[in-house]
Protein backbone atom coordinates (compact mmCIF):
# COMPACT_ATOMS: atom_id res chain seq x y z
CA MET A 1 -30.61 -14.33 21.77
CA PRO A 2 -30.00 -12.00 19.86
CA GLN A 3 -26.58 -10.72 18.73
CA VAL A 4 -25.26 -6.91 18.86
CA LEU A 5 -22.87 -6.47 16.10
CA GLU A 6 -20.93 -3.12 15.42
CA PHE A 7 -20.21 -1.91 11.66
CA LYS A 8 -17.57 0.23 11.29
CA LEU A 9 -16.48 2.83 8.55
CA PRO A 10 -15.64 0.74 6.43
CA ASP A 11 -11.99 1.51 3.60
CA LEU A 12 -13.44 3.02 0.77
CA GLY A 13 -10.56 2.73 -1.69
CA GLU A 14 -7.98 5.09 -3.32
CA GLY A 15 -6.10 5.42 -0.30
CA LEU A 16 -8.60 7.48 1.67
CA THR A 17 -8.64 7.37 5.42
CA GLU A 18 -11.48 9.45 6.32
CA ALA A 19 -15.26 10.91 5.23
CA GLU A 20 -17.48 12.81 6.65
CA ILE A 21 -21.33 12.21 7.49
CA VAL A 22 -23.19 14.10 5.13
CA ARG A 23 -26.72 12.40 5.74
CA TRP A 24 -27.65 9.29 8.25
CA LEU A 25 -30.58 6.97 6.26
CA VAL A 26 -31.58 5.06 8.99
CA GLU A 27 -32.86 5.82 12.68
CA VAL A 28 -32.16 4.02 15.94
CA GLY A 29 -35.03 1.30 16.55
CA ASP A 30 -35.22 1.03 12.45
CA VAL A 31 -34.79 -2.63 10.86
CA VAL A 32 -32.35 -3.08 7.97
CA ALA A 33 -31.91 -5.99 5.27
CA ILE A 34 -27.80 -7.07 4.43
CA ASP A 35 -26.48 -4.83 1.91
CA GLN A 36 -28.99 -2.05 2.97
CA PRO A 37 -27.60 1.60 2.60
CA VAL A 38 -27.28 2.95 6.11
CA VAL A 39 -25.12 6.35 5.81
CA GLU A 40 -24.21 8.99 3.29
CA VAL A 41 -20.32 10.03 3.41
CA GLU A 42 -18.41 11.90 1.26
CA THR A 43 -14.15 11.46 1.10
CA ALA A 44 -11.93 13.24 -0.69
CA LYS A 45 -13.22 11.92 -4.38
CA ALA A 46 -17.41 11.46 -3.95
CA MET A 47 -20.18 11.12 -2.29
CA VAL A 48 -20.94 7.26 -1.46
CA GLU A 49 -24.07 5.95 0.88
CA VAL A 50 -22.30 3.09 2.59
CA PRO A 51 -24.55 0.02 3.29
CA CYS A 52 -24.52 -1.95 6.30
CA PRO A 53 -23.58 -6.32 6.08
CA TYR A 54 -25.64 -7.03 8.72
CA GLY A 55 -29.71 -7.47 8.58
CA GLY A 56 -31.34 -6.59 11.89
CA VAL A 57 -32.13 -3.83 14.36
CA VAL A 58 -30.53 -0.70 14.23
CA THR A 59 -29.83 -0.26 17.90
CA ALA A 60 -27.14 2.41 17.97
CA ARG A 61 -25.19 5.32 15.99
CA PHE A 62 -22.39 7.08 16.12
CA GLY A 63 -21.28 10.86 14.97
CA GLU A 64 -23.65 13.27 13.75
CA GLU A 65 -23.91 15.00 10.42
CA GLY A 66 -20.62 16.96 9.16
CA THR A 67 -18.61 14.48 11.81
CA GLU A 68 -15.50 13.47 9.98
CA LEU A 69 -14.71 9.76 10.92
CA PRO A 70 -11.64 7.65 10.29
CA VAL A 71 -11.83 4.40 8.30
CA GLY A 72 -12.25 1.76 11.05
CA SER A 73 -14.58 4.25 13.47
CA PRO A 74 -17.43 2.45 15.24
CA LEU A 75 -20.41 3.74 12.61
CA LEU A 76 -23.63 1.70 14.10
CA THR A 77 -24.71 -1.45 15.72
CA VAL A 78 -26.98 -3.91 14.70
CA ALA A 79 -29.12 -6.58 16.73
CA VAL A 80 -29.07 -9.60 14.63
CA GLY A 81 -31.59 -12.14 15.27
CA SER A 82 -29.42 -15.32 16.12
CA ALA A 83 -32.89 -17.74 15.74
CA GLU A 84 -36.17 -17.48 14.09
CA GLY A 85 -38.49 -14.76 15.13
CA ASP A 86 -35.75 -12.99 17.35
CA LEU A 87 -36.66 -9.86 15.05
CA PRO A 88 -39.68 -8.81 14.05
CA GLY A 89 -41.04 -10.53 10.73
CA ASP A 90 -37.42 -11.66 10.79
CA LEU A 91 -36.01 -8.96 8.19
CA SER A 92 -32.40 -10.16 9.85
CA GLY A 93 -31.55 -12.27 6.68
CA ASN A 94 -28.87 -14.07 8.97
CA GLY A 95 -27.88 -17.54 8.99
CA ALA A 96 -27.94 -20.02 12.37
CA ASP A 97 -24.93 -18.37 14.08
CA GLY A 98 -26.76 -15.07 14.01
CA ALA A 99 -23.50 -13.14 12.27
CA GLU A 100 -23.90 -13.67 8.29
CA SER A 101 -22.85 -10.66 6.72
CA SER A 102 -22.46 -10.12 3.23
CA GLY A 103 -19.11 -8.50 3.23
CA ASN A 104 -19.52 -5.87 0.98
CA VAL A 105 -19.23 -2.47 1.95
CA LEU A 106 -19.80 -0.11 -1.18
CA VAL A 107 -23.20 0.21 -3.07
CA GLY A 108 -23.46 -1.93 -6.47
CA TYR A 109 -21.46 -4.52 -4.78
CA GLY A 110 -23.61 -6.39 -2.30
CA THR A 111 -26.05 -9.39 -2.51
CA GLY A 112 -28.93 -8.58 -4.36
CA ALA A 113 -31.08 -9.08 -1.24
CA PRO A 114 -34.11 -6.69 -1.84
CA ALA A 115 -34.15 -3.71 0.71
CA ALA A 116 -36.59 -3.69 3.57
CA ARG A 117 -38.87 -1.46 3.96
CA ARG A 118 -38.12 0.52 6.60
CA ARG A 119 -39.71 -0.28 10.28
CA ARG A 120 -39.27 0.97 13.79
CA VAL A 121 -38.82 -1.87 16.34
CA ARG A 122 -40.64 -0.85 19.90
CA PRO A 123 -37.57 0.49 22.31
CA GLU A 124 -38.01 -2.26 25.00
CA ALA A 125 -37.17 -4.60 21.79
CA ILE A 126 -33.61 -2.83 21.06
CA SER A 127 -32.97 -2.63 25.09
CA ALA A 128 -33.67 -6.74 25.34
CA ALA A 129 -31.50 -7.11 22.11
CA ALA A 130 -28.50 -5.05 22.77
CA ALA A 131 -28.20 -6.65 26.46
CA PRO A 132 -25.90 -9.88 25.36
CA VAL A 133 -22.78 -7.67 23.82
CA ALA A 134 -19.70 -10.77 23.82
CA GLU A 135 -17.02 -8.34 23.50
CA PRO A 136 -16.11 -5.05 24.28
CA ALA A 137 -17.81 -2.36 22.00
CA PRO A 138 -18.93 1.55 22.02
CA VAL A 139 -21.72 2.01 24.52
CA PRO A 140 -24.71 2.59 22.42
CA VAL A 141 -27.23 4.71 22.36
CA THR A 142 -30.54 2.72 22.64
CA ALA A 143 -33.88 3.89 21.55
CA PRO A 144 -35.55 5.28 24.89
CA ALA A 145 -32.61 7.99 25.11
CA LEU A 146 -33.42 9.09 21.70
CA ALA A 147 -35.01 12.27 23.54
CA PRO A 148 -34.21 15.80 21.27
CA GLY A 149 -30.62 15.91 21.64
CA PRO A 150 -27.55 14.90 19.99
CA VAL A 151 -25.99 11.70 19.89
CA PRO A 152 -23.03 10.94 21.54
CA THR A 153 -20.14 10.13 19.11
CA PRO A 154 -17.03 8.08 20.67
CA VAL A 155 -13.89 9.25 20.40
CA PRO A 156 -11.59 6.22 19.81
CA ALA A 157 -8.57 5.48 22.10
CA PRO A 158 -5.19 6.84 21.55
CA VAL A 159 -2.76 4.68 20.07
CA LEU A 160 0.93 3.52 19.57
CA ASP A 161 2.97 5.77 16.93
CA GLU A 162 6.02 4.10 15.22
CA ALA A 163 7.94 5.15 18.40
CA SER A 164 7.79 4.08 22.05
CA GLY A 165 4.70 6.22 23.57
CA PRO A 166 1.20 6.72 23.46
CA VAL A 167 0.23 9.27 21.51
CA ALA A 168 -3.43 10.81 21.71
CA VAL A 169 -3.99 10.83 17.57
CA VAL A 170 -6.52 8.11 15.96
CA SER A 171 -6.09 9.49 12.28
CA PRO A 172 -4.04 7.49 9.35
CA LEU A 173 -4.15 10.48 7.77
CA VAL A 174 -2.64 13.12 10.86
CA ARG A 175 0.28 10.34 11.48
CA ARG A 176 1.18 10.02 7.71
CA LEU A 177 1.00 13.86 7.56
CA ALA A 178 3.85 13.94 10.63
CA ARG A 179 6.06 11.37 9.49
CA GLN A 180 6.40 13.33 6.22
CA HIS A 181 7.18 16.58 7.97
CA ASP A 182 9.58 14.55 10.37
CA LEU A 183 7.56 15.64 13.47
CA ASP A 184 7.52 14.11 16.96
CA LEU A 185 3.75 13.69 17.73
CA ARG A 186 4.27 13.23 21.74
CA GLN A 187 5.80 16.96 21.52
CA LEU A 188 1.95 18.35 20.18
CA THR A 189 -1.04 19.35 22.39
CA GLY A 190 -3.97 18.57 20.60
CA SER A 191 -6.70 20.71 20.40
CA GLY A 192 -9.63 18.40 20.20
CA ARG A 193 -11.58 16.43 22.35
CA ASP A 194 -9.68 14.87 25.36
CA GLY A 195 -6.35 16.23 23.82
CA LEU A 196 -6.74 14.36 20.62
CA ILE A 197 -4.31 15.96 18.04
CA LEU A 198 -5.80 16.85 14.90
CA ARG A 199 -4.80 17.67 11.47
CA ALA A 200 -5.03 21.11 12.30
CA ASP A 201 -2.42 21.01 14.66
CA VAL A 202 0.03 19.15 12.83
CA GLU A 203 -0.06 21.31 10.08
CA SER A 204 0.49 24.08 12.37
CA ALA A 205 3.49 22.86 13.65
CA ILE A 206 4.79 22.15 10.34
CA ARG A 207 3.82 26.24 9.68
CA ALA A 208 5.63 27.18 12.42
CA ALA A 209 9.15 25.06 12.13
CA ALA A 210 9.14 26.13 8.57
CA ASN A 211 9.21 29.67 9.99
CA GLY A 212 11.51 28.65 12.17
CA THR A 213 9.78 29.11 15.51
CA ALA A 214 9.16 26.87 18.22
CA VAL A 215 5.84 24.92 17.72
CA ALA A 216 3.03 26.33 20.31
CA PRO A 217 0.68 24.09 21.79
CA SER A 218 -2.52 24.49 19.81
CA VAL A 219 -4.46 24.72 23.07
CA PRO A 220 -4.91 28.05 25.45
CA VAL A 221 -1.78 27.14 28.19
CA PRO A 222 -2.46 28.99 31.66
CA VAL A 223 -0.39 32.16 31.90
CA SER A 224 0.10 33.14 35.64
CA ARG A 225 -0.06 36.79 35.92
CA PRO A 226 -1.02 39.59 39.20
CA ALA A 227 -4.19 38.82 41.12
CA SER A 228 -4.68 42.47 40.53
CA GLY A 229 -5.33 44.18 37.69
CA PRO A 230 -7.67 43.26 34.61
CA ALA A 231 -6.62 39.72 32.61
CA PRO A 232 -4.96 40.62 29.24
CA VAL A 233 -7.53 39.87 26.32
CA SER A 234 -6.59 38.74 23.32
CA ALA A 235 -7.93 40.33 19.96
CA PRO A 236 -9.64 36.79 18.25
CA VAL A 237 -7.87 36.93 14.51
CA ALA A 238 -10.26 38.58 12.12
CA GLY A 239 -12.03 36.79 8.99
CA GLU A 240 -14.00 33.44 7.85
CA ARG A 241 -12.48 30.49 8.53
CA ILE A 242 -12.92 27.91 6.55
CA PRO A 243 -11.51 23.87 7.06
CA LEU A 244 -9.73 22.68 3.86
CA ARG A 245 -11.58 19.56 3.73
CA GLY A 246 -13.71 17.19 1.84
CA VAL A 247 -13.12 17.65 -1.87
CA ARG A 248 -11.60 21.14 -1.48
CA GLY A 249 -8.99 19.94 1.18
CA ALA A 250 -8.55 17.04 -1.66
CA VAL A 251 -7.87 19.81 -4.47
CA ALA A 252 -5.79 21.57 -2.07
CA ASP A 253 -3.62 18.81 -1.46
CA LYS A 254 -2.95 17.59 -5.27
CA LEU A 255 -2.05 20.96 -6.07
CA ALA A 256 -0.15 21.98 -3.85
CA ARG A 257 1.94 18.06 -4.47
CA SER A 258 1.82 19.30 -8.18
CA ARG A 259 3.62 22.55 -7.60
CA ARG A 260 6.62 20.90 -5.17
CA GLU A 261 7.18 17.73 -6.99
CA ILE A 262 6.30 18.79 -10.91
CA PRO A 263 8.97 21.11 -12.75
CA ASP A 264 5.89 22.47 -14.81
CA ALA A 265 6.01 24.50 -17.98
CA THR A 266 3.79 26.03 -20.19
CA CYS A 267 3.48 26.91 -23.77
CA TRP A 268 0.48 28.79 -26.07
CA VAL A 269 -0.95 29.54 -28.80
CA ASP A 270 -3.88 31.21 -31.35
CA ALA A 271 -5.45 29.24 -33.18
CA ASP A 272 -8.00 29.42 -35.81
CA ALA A 273 -11.20 27.56 -34.70
CA THR A 274 -14.09 28.60 -37.32
CA GLU A 275 -13.63 25.48 -39.60
CA LEU A 276 -13.96 23.71 -36.13
CA MET A 277 -17.43 25.36 -35.18
CA ALA A 278 -18.93 24.67 -39.09
CA ALA A 279 -17.62 21.32 -39.06
CA ARG A 280 -19.32 21.41 -35.65
CA ALA A 281 -22.56 22.69 -36.94
CA ALA A 282 -22.35 20.39 -39.89
CA MET A 283 -22.39 17.27 -37.84
CA ASN A 284 -25.14 18.10 -35.61
CA GLY A 285 -27.10 19.25 -38.44
CA ALA A 286 -27.04 16.53 -39.97
CA GLY A 287 -30.33 14.45 -39.85
CA GLY A 288 -32.18 11.32 -40.67
CA PRO A 289 -32.39 7.99 -38.56
CA THR A 290 -28.69 7.44 -38.30
CA ALA A 291 -28.48 10.90 -36.76
CA GLY A 292 -27.17 10.33 -32.59
CA PRO A 293 -26.96 12.54 -29.77
CA LYS A 294 -25.48 16.68 -30.95
CA VAL A 295 -21.63 16.56 -30.72
CA SER A 296 -20.34 19.62 -28.12
CA VAL A 297 -17.04 21.18 -28.69
CA LEU A 298 -15.48 19.94 -25.96
CA ALA A 299 -15.53 16.01 -27.61
CA LEU A 300 -14.19 17.30 -30.49
CA LEU A 301 -11.29 18.85 -28.63
CA ALA A 302 -11.38 16.02 -26.47
CA ARG A 303 -10.88 13.32 -29.51
CA ILE A 304 -8.05 16.02 -31.07
CA CYS A 305 -6.32 15.35 -27.76
CA THR A 306 -6.25 11.62 -28.37
CA ALA A 307 -4.94 11.78 -31.93
CA ALA A 308 -2.25 14.35 -30.01
CA LEU A 309 -1.32 11.55 -27.57
CA ALA A 310 -1.31 8.82 -30.24
CA ARG A 311 1.64 10.85 -31.91
CA PHE A 312 3.44 12.25 -29.08
CA PRO A 313 3.07 9.32 -26.62
CA GLU A 314 5.64 11.71 -23.77
CA LEU A 315 2.92 13.22 -22.53
CA ASN A 316 0.80 10.55 -21.77
CA SER A 317 3.09 9.57 -19.06
CA THR A 318 4.01 9.57 -15.14
CA VAL A 319 7.07 9.72 -13.08
CA ASP A 320 7.93 7.02 -10.65
CA LEU A 321 10.50 9.41 -8.52
CA GLU A 322 11.19 6.22 -6.24
CA ALA A 323 12.76 4.40 -9.21
CA ARG A 324 13.19 7.70 -11.36
CA GLU A 325 11.87 6.04 -14.34
CA ILE A 326 9.16 7.73 -17.01
CA VAL A 327 5.82 5.54 -16.88
CA ARG A 328 4.62 5.56 -20.48
CA LEU A 329 0.83 4.98 -20.08
CA PRO A 330 -0.62 2.75 -23.12
CA ALA A 331 -3.77 4.13 -22.51
CA VAL A 332 -5.57 7.48 -22.62
CA HIS A 333 -7.67 7.99 -19.58
CA LEU A 334 -8.65 11.35 -20.20
CA GLY A 335 -9.76 13.79 -17.51
CA PHE A 336 -11.90 16.74 -17.52
CA ALA A 337 -12.51 19.94 -15.34
CA ALA A 338 -15.95 20.06 -14.18
CA GLN A 339 -16.88 22.65 -11.82
CA THR A 340 -19.79 21.84 -9.32
CA GLU A 341 -21.33 22.96 -6.01
CA ARG A 342 -19.20 20.87 -4.59
CA GLY A 343 -15.81 22.29 -5.84
CA LEU A 344 -13.91 21.46 -8.99
CA VAL A 345 -13.69 18.05 -9.86
CA VAL A 346 -11.62 16.19 -12.86
CA PRO A 347 -13.87 13.00 -14.04
CA VAL A 348 -11.97 10.60 -16.59
CA VAL A 349 -13.43 9.04 -19.46
CA ARG A 350 -11.74 5.65 -19.67
CA ASP A 351 -10.20 4.54 -22.85
CA ALA A 352 -10.59 7.30 -24.62
CA GLN A 353 -8.20 6.60 -27.33
CA SER A 354 -10.66 4.01 -28.73
CA ARG A 355 -13.49 6.25 -28.61
CA ASN A 356 -14.93 8.79 -31.49
CA ALA A 357 -16.29 12.11 -30.75
CA GLU A 358 -19.72 10.98 -30.24
CA SER A 359 -18.89 8.15 -27.86
CA ILE A 360 -16.72 10.50 -26.08
CA GLY A 361 -19.19 13.42 -25.83
CA ALA A 362 -22.01 10.88 -24.51
CA GLU A 363 -19.36 9.68 -21.73
CA ILE A 364 -18.43 13.74 -20.54
CA GLY A 365 -22.54 14.18 -20.56
CA ARG A 366 -23.24 11.14 -18.14
CA LEU A 367 -19.78 12.11 -16.04
CA THR A 368 -20.96 15.46 -16.03
CA GLU A 369 -24.08 15.06 -14.95
CA ALA A 370 -23.49 12.76 -12.02
CA ALA A 371 -20.54 15.02 -11.33
CA ARG A 372 -23.75 17.48 -10.82
CA THR A 373 -25.33 15.25 -8.45
CA GLY A 374 -22.93 14.29 -6.65
CA LYS A 375 -22.88 10.15 -7.86
CA LEU A 376 -19.37 10.33 -9.12
CA THR A 377 -17.82 7.07 -7.63
CA PRO A 378 -14.05 7.10 -6.29
CA ALA A 379 -12.88 5.28 -9.77
CA GLU A 380 -14.69 8.06 -11.90
CA LEU A 381 -12.49 9.99 -10.59
CA THR A 382 -9.26 8.52 -10.44
CA GLY A 383 -6.33 6.78 -13.17
CA GLY A 384 -6.85 10.13 -15.21
CA THR A 385 -3.46 10.09 -17.78
CA PHE A 386 -4.20 13.24 -19.65
CA THR A 387 -6.33 16.08 -18.56
CA LEU A 388 -8.07 18.51 -20.80
CA ASN A 389 -9.10 21.74 -18.87
CA ASN A 390 -12.15 24.24 -21.08
CA TYR A 391 -11.64 27.63 -18.45
CA GLY A 392 -13.47 29.20 -21.23
CA VAL A 393 -16.30 28.37 -20.01
CA PHE A 394 -15.73 31.68 -17.29
CA GLY A 395 -15.20 33.61 -19.93
CA VAL A 396 -11.46 33.95 -20.56
CA ASP A 397 -9.43 33.99 -22.91
CA GLY A 398 -6.01 32.11 -21.62
CA SER A 399 -4.65 30.25 -18.05
CA THR A 400 -1.61 28.35 -17.16
CA PRO A 401 -3.31 25.83 -15.05
CA ILE A 402 -1.70 23.53 -12.75
CA ILE A 403 -1.20 19.52 -13.99
CA ASN A 404 -2.72 17.41 -12.39
CA HIS A 405 -0.88 14.82 -10.23
CA PRO A 406 0.58 12.62 -11.18
CA GLU A 407 -0.22 13.13 -14.41
CA ALA A 408 2.34 14.74 -17.25
CA ALA A 409 0.51 17.16 -19.02
CA MET A 410 -2.52 19.79 -19.82
CA LEU A 411 -4.42 21.35 -22.41
CA GLY A 412 -6.12 24.36 -21.19
CA VAL A 413 -8.81 26.01 -23.39
CA GLY A 414 -9.92 29.53 -23.66
CA ARG A 415 -13.10 30.97 -25.21
CA ILE A 416 -13.88 30.97 -28.75
CA VAL A 417 -14.95 34.27 -29.81
CA PRO A 418 -14.79 36.28 -33.11
CA LYS A 419 -11.76 38.87 -33.74
CA PRO A 420 -9.61 40.02 -36.43
CA TRP A 421 -7.26 37.05 -38.12
CA VAL A 422 -5.43 37.32 -41.11
CA HIS A 423 -7.11 34.60 -43.64
CA ARG A 424 -6.23 33.69 -46.83
CA GLY A 425 -3.70 37.19 -47.24
CA GLU A 426 -6.87 39.11 -46.22
CA LEU A 427 -8.15 40.53 -43.02
CA ALA A 428 -11.31 38.97 -41.90
CA VAL A 429 -13.03 38.65 -38.68
CA ARG A 430 -12.35 33.94 -37.29
CA GLN A 431 -13.51 32.19 -34.77
CA VAL A 432 -10.38 32.55 -32.74
CA VAL A 433 -9.23 30.45 -29.47
CA GLN A 434 -6.44 30.29 -27.44
CA LEU A 435 -5.15 26.58 -26.88
CA SER A 436 -2.33 26.21 -23.59
CA LEU A 437 -0.42 23.10 -22.83
CA THR A 438 1.17 23.04 -19.31
CA PHE A 439 3.33 19.88 -19.43
CA ASP A 440 6.05 18.35 -17.13
CA HIS A 441 9.51 19.26 -18.59
CA ARG A 442 10.29 16.37 -16.71
CA VAL A 443 8.93 13.80 -19.52
CA CYS A 444 9.86 15.78 -22.91
CA ASP A 445 11.17 18.66 -23.46
CA GLY A 446 10.15 21.77 -25.35
CA GLY A 447 9.93 20.39 -29.20
CA THR A 448 7.71 17.79 -28.01
CA ALA A 449 5.34 20.17 -26.03
CA GLY A 450 5.41 22.11 -28.94
CA GLY A 451 5.28 19.42 -31.70
CA PHE A 452 1.72 18.35 -29.69
CA LEU A 453 0.52 21.79 -29.17
CA ARG A 454 0.61 22.93 -33.02
CA TYR A 455 -0.87 19.44 -33.78
CA VAL A 456 -3.28 20.79 -31.82
CA ALA A 457 -3.44 23.68 -33.27
CA ASP A 458 -3.57 22.41 -36.64
CA CYS A 459 -6.82 20.12 -35.94
CA VAL A 460 -8.42 22.95 -34.85
CA GLU A 461 -8.24 24.71 -37.73
CA GLN A 462 -8.36 22.12 -40.90
CA PRO A 463 -10.52 19.44 -38.59
CA ALA A 464 -9.66 17.09 -42.15
CA LEU A 465 -6.22 15.96 -40.53
CA LEU A 466 -8.27 14.03 -38.64
CA LEU A 467 -9.57 11.63 -41.26
CA ARG A 468 -5.79 10.21 -41.30
CA THR A 469 -6.25 8.83 -37.96
CA LEU A 470 -10.15 7.70 -37.91
């Protein structure tokens, strides 16, 4: 007889505790193979296709598109055949025990089994398969109930907090946020379904505590009033409300933490980039069979940064607050800010110190394209040690960027524009760029930061200086 197995939202790594369902890739009644992607979710770092480790017939889905689920919540149930012929075409891919799975949860780490062509099973077959459930599971929605209308999303039961007593909260992120701000979740009234405490409830309580006011419940509380006379009507707060979640929420949290923890300072300098632009034109104008891809200005600046970090390794570091230590990092994993439709992301060029300008440029191009299509993996968005921010593409000259926590510095680059400049004792029109360095004052003093920025500016003005490090 078939066995119904429940597949839960897996741990997607990098400390992620929740994800939003963007698009279902299967319907109830579809036949899926082991490691076939079944849902596309958006985490705080990237869009991820989640494969199901079981093969069989989808008997239920949990959560509508746009729903945010914590890790460990049910995603779907699959009827897995326990003997040959239990499922049409025996597509379960399981062994004799009917419960074999790949054990993998991320695309690209599967067994390599070919994905089955999408098939649909008769409703009565699904109902029969869903009958023998060995252990308690969320009530599945079977195919006969799949008439037009939403599939009900089960709400996980409340869990016990660290203190004694039941608490109506299921998200680990909500519990952690409450712990960080010494909030007693039992004193809050949740605004979610069945009184579920949401992140918005905790954040509201934090703001109320910061303002010195009492924590108000997040749901309307009945107020007694005279029987006669009209009931007072509270005017709704005007303005559009945009949830801080997904990429936008992750960026907000990281920027706020950076401002809260890092004592940053900024220095800047104008540099004559005329020679750098001429060098780039010469590189890209060289023909012949050995000519490679075009080299971008960003790639040249990235290569200059790696050379500068070799001279000033203090800026390629992080601060361990618990140990009260500065940790200088051996490799340069260079992040670069990229604006996408989903918001600001910072892809990372790994081991940039061992790459030349052409290699860095090729990797920047690949990561930029992946960012635009939403295909960046969490690993490609984490682990940076230094960030390069080219805000000149927005047509501005200067900025004081916020450090990408937990890094120690960020180099900002403004637009390169013709400006009057004293060149060789005479006034001339030159290509000028403003460079700004925001740095963590705990890892170094102004002399180190100024030395780094001056070296970068010297390389921009005289690209031949880079020949010493090539």
